[in-house]
Amino acid sequence: MLERKVDPEQVAVLVELAVGLQLGRPFDLRRLCRLDPEYFELGVDLMRDWRFNYHIAARSKLFEDILARDHGLQSRMCHLGSAAAH
């Protein structure tokens, strides 16, 4: 869905969910509930996979793809790393 950009707004919610899961940050589940059924189910599957550590290689690839597309997230991640070092 990242590559197809079918519905950018709904994909953005899923991307934020994936980032939140990867970084251990809060995500407002009400946003997931507002998605169309196909996107909602994908979000639920994403949470299930993360919770049970399924598809770790795919998760890593997904997060790499997200970082490659979102330069703002890259800079925030770098900032988090430098803040943790202090």
Protein backbone atom coordinates (compact mmCIF):
# COMPACT_ATOMS: atom_id res chain seq x y z
CA MET A 1 0.00 0.00 0.00
CA LEU A 2 2.94 2.32 0.61
CA GLU A 3 4.06 1.87 -2.98
CA ARG A 4 0.60 2.02 -4.54
CA LYS A 5 -0.49 5.08 -2.52
CA VAL A 6 -4.08 3.92 -2.91
CA ASP A 7 -5.49 6.30 -0.29
CA PRO A 8 -2.71 8.51 1.10
CA GLU A 9 -4.69 9.67 4.16
CA GLN A 10 -5.54 6.15 5.28
CA VAL A 11 -2.06 4.86 4.48
CA ALA A 12 -0.64 7.73 6.57
CA VAL A 13 -2.62 6.48 9.60
CA LEU A 14 -1.21 2.97 9.11
CA VAL A 15 2.30 4.38 8.75
CA GLU A 16 1.89 6.30 12.00
CA LEU A 17 0.63 3.12 13.67
CA ALA A 18 3.68 1.18 12.42
CA VAL A 19 6.03 3.92 13.59
CA GLY A 20 4.33 4.02 16.99
CA LEU A 21 4.63 0.26 17.35
CA GLN A 22 8.28 0.26 16.29
CA LEU A 23 9.24 3.14 18.60
CA GLY A 24 6.97 2.16 21.48
CA ARG A 25 5.04 5.40 21.23
CA PRO A 26 1.33 5.89 21.91
CA PHE A 27 -1.15 5.77 19.06
CA ASP A 28 -4.78 6.87 19.31
CA LEU A 29 -6.78 3.80 18.28
CA ARG A 30 -9.78 5.99 17.46
CA ARG A 31 -7.89 6.97 14.31
CA LEU A 32 -7.75 3.32 13.28
CA CYS A 33 -11.49 2.93 13.84
CA ARG A 34 -12.19 5.74 11.34
CA LEU A 35 -10.49 3.88 8.50
CA ASP A 36 -12.24 1.97 5.74
CA PRO A 37 -12.63 -1.74 6.57
CA GLU A 38 -9.70 -2.88 4.38
CA TYR A 39 -7.31 -0.44 6.06
CA PHE A 40 -8.73 -1.14 9.52
CA GLU A 41 -8.14 -4.88 9.10
CA LEU A 42 -4.59 -4.23 7.92
CA GLY A 43 -3.99 -2.10 11.03
CA VAL A 44 -5.33 -4.84 13.29
CA ASP A 45 -3.13 -7.40 11.51
CA LEU A 46 -0.16 -5.08 11.95
CA MET A 47 -0.78 -4.83 15.71
CA ARG A 48 -1.24 -8.59 15.99
CA ASP A 49 2.00 -9.27 14.13
CA TRP A 50 3.91 -6.77 16.28
CA ARG A 51 2.46 -8.14 19.51
CA PHE A 52 3.47 -11.70 18.76
CA ASN A 53 6.76 -10.80 17.01
CA TYR A 54 5.62 -12.29 13.70
CA HIS A 55 7.33 -11.41 10.44
CA ILE A 56 10.29 -9.68 12.06
CA ALA A 57 12.17 -9.43 8.74
CA ALA A 58 9.09 -7.94 7.06
CA ARG A 59 8.68 -5.50 9.94
CA SER A 60 12.25 -4.33 9.53
CA LYS A 61 11.74 -3.89 5.78
CA LEU A 62 8.50 -1.98 6.37
CA PHE A 63 10.19 0.37 8.83
CA GLU A 64 13.11 0.89 6.41
CA ASP A 65 10.62 1.75 3.65
CA ILE A 66 8.81 4.18 5.93
CA LEU A 67 12.08 5.87 6.89
CA ALA A 68 13.13 6.10 3.25
CA ARG A 69 9.89 7.91 2.39
CA ASP A 70 9.64 10.16 5.46
CA HIS A 71 12.68 12.39 5.83
CA GLY A 72 11.03 14.22 8.74
CA LEU A 73 10.84 10.96 10.65
CA GLN A 74 14.49 10.29 9.85
CA SER A 75 15.52 13.58 11.42
CA ARG A 76 13.28 13.01 14.46
CA MET A 77 14.84 9.55 14.90
CA CYS A 78 18.33 11.07 14.72
CA HIS A 79 17.30 13.65 17.28
CA LEU A 80 15.97 10.93 19.60
CA GLY A 81 19.25 9.06 19.31
CA SER A 82 21.33 12.11 20.17
CA ALA A 83 19.05 12.99 23.10
CA ALA A 84 19.37 9.45 24.48
CA ALA A 85 23.14 9.69 24.32
CA HIS A 86 23.14 12.73 26.64
